Amino acid sequence: MNLEKNLAIPLLSMKIIKLFLIVSQFVTSTTTSDENKMFETA
């Protein structure tokens, strides 16, 4: 049981990180070209 709990936490965090990356990619792809230029230079 302890092993399963220890494995569940990293798996959950990985899912959250993947979700965050997908959302960030979606947000950057939907922004205008001017905002993308500002984001790249920042």
C-alpha atoms as a PDB file:
ATOM      1  CA  MET A   1       0.000   0.000   0.000  1.00  0.00           C
ATOM      2  CA  ASN A   2       2.806   2.400   0.855  1.00  0.00           C
ATOM      3  CA  LEU A   3       4.499   1.739  -2.488  1.00  0.00           C
ATOM      4  CA  GLU A   4       1.290   2.524  -4.366  1.00  0.00           C
ATOM      5  CA  LYS A   5       0.848   5.780  -2.455  1.00  0.00           C
ATOM      6  CA  ASN A   6       4.457   6.783  -3.155  1.00  0.00           C
ATOM      7  CA  LEU A   7       3.951   6.127  -6.880  1.00  0.00           C
ATOM      8  CA  ALA A   8       0.603   7.916  -7.039  1.00  0.00           C
ATOM      9  CA  ILE A   9       2.016  11.313  -6.027  1.00  0.00           C
ATOM     10  CA  PRO A  10       4.635  11.589  -8.837  1.00  0.00           C
ATOM     11  CA  LEU A  11       2.133  10.307 -11.399  1.00  0.00           C
ATOM     12  CA  LEU A  12      -0.399  12.930 -10.311  1.00  0.00           C
ATOM     13  CA  SER A  13       2.198  15.689 -10.452  1.00  0.00           C
ATOM     14  CA  MET A  14       3.275  14.532 -13.924  1.00  0.00           C
ATOM     15  CA  LYS A  15      -0.334  14.733 -15.115  1.00  0.00           C
ATOM     16  CA  ILE A  16      -0.653  18.260 -13.685  1.00  0.00           C
ATOM     17  CA  ILE A  17       2.596  19.333 -15.377  1.00  0.00           C
ATOM     18  CA  LYS A  18       1.502  17.853 -18.719  1.00  0.00           C
ATOM     19  CA  LEU A  19      -1.884  19.592 -18.415  1.00  0.00           C
ATOM     20  CA  PHE A  20      -0.146  22.894 -17.620  1.00  0.00           C
ATOM     21  CA  LEU A  21       2.137  22.517 -20.657  1.00  0.00           C
ATOM     22  CA  ILE A  22      -0.818  21.759 -22.952  1.00  0.00           C
ATOM     23  CA  VAL A  23      -2.722  24.785 -21.635  1.00  0.00           C
ATOM     24  CA  SER A  24       0.313  27.067 -21.978  1.00  0.00           C
ATOM     25  CA  GLN A  25       0.899  25.894 -25.571  1.00  0.00           C
ATOM     26  CA  PHE A  26      -2.785  26.493 -26.376  1.00  0.00           C
ATOM     27  CA  VAL A  27      -2.686  29.982 -24.860  1.00  0.00           C
ATOM     28  CA  THR A  28       0.497  30.975 -26.718  1.00  0.00           C
ATOM     29  CA  SER A  29      -0.861  29.612 -30.027  1.00  0.00           C
ATOM     30  CA  THR A  30      -4.092  31.624 -29.671  1.00  0.00           C
ATOM     31  CA  THR A  31      -2.349  34.928 -28.815  1.00  0.00           C
ATOM     32  CA  THR A  32      -1.640  37.501 -31.523  1.00  0.00           C
ATOM     33  CA  SER A  33       1.737  37.771 -33.281  1.00  0.00           C
ATOM     34  CA  ASP A  34       2.544  41.020 -31.408  1.00  0.00           C
ATOM     35  CA  GLU A  35       2.029  39.310 -28.055  1.00  0.00           C
ATOM     36  CA  ASN A  36       4.163  36.356 -29.194  1.00  0.00           C
ATOM     37  CA  LYS A  37       7.009  38.740 -30.108  1.00  0.00           C
ATOM     38  CA  MET A  38       6.786  40.380 -26.680  1.00  0.00           C
ATOM     39  CA  PHE A  39       6.753  36.953 -25.003  1.00  0.00           C
ATOM     40  CA  GLU A  40       9.853  35.824 -26.920  1.00  0.00           C
ATOM     41  CA  THR A  41      11.866  38.969 -26.119  1.00  0.00           C
ATOM     42  CA  ALA A  42      10.906  38.956 -22.424  1.00  0.00           C
END
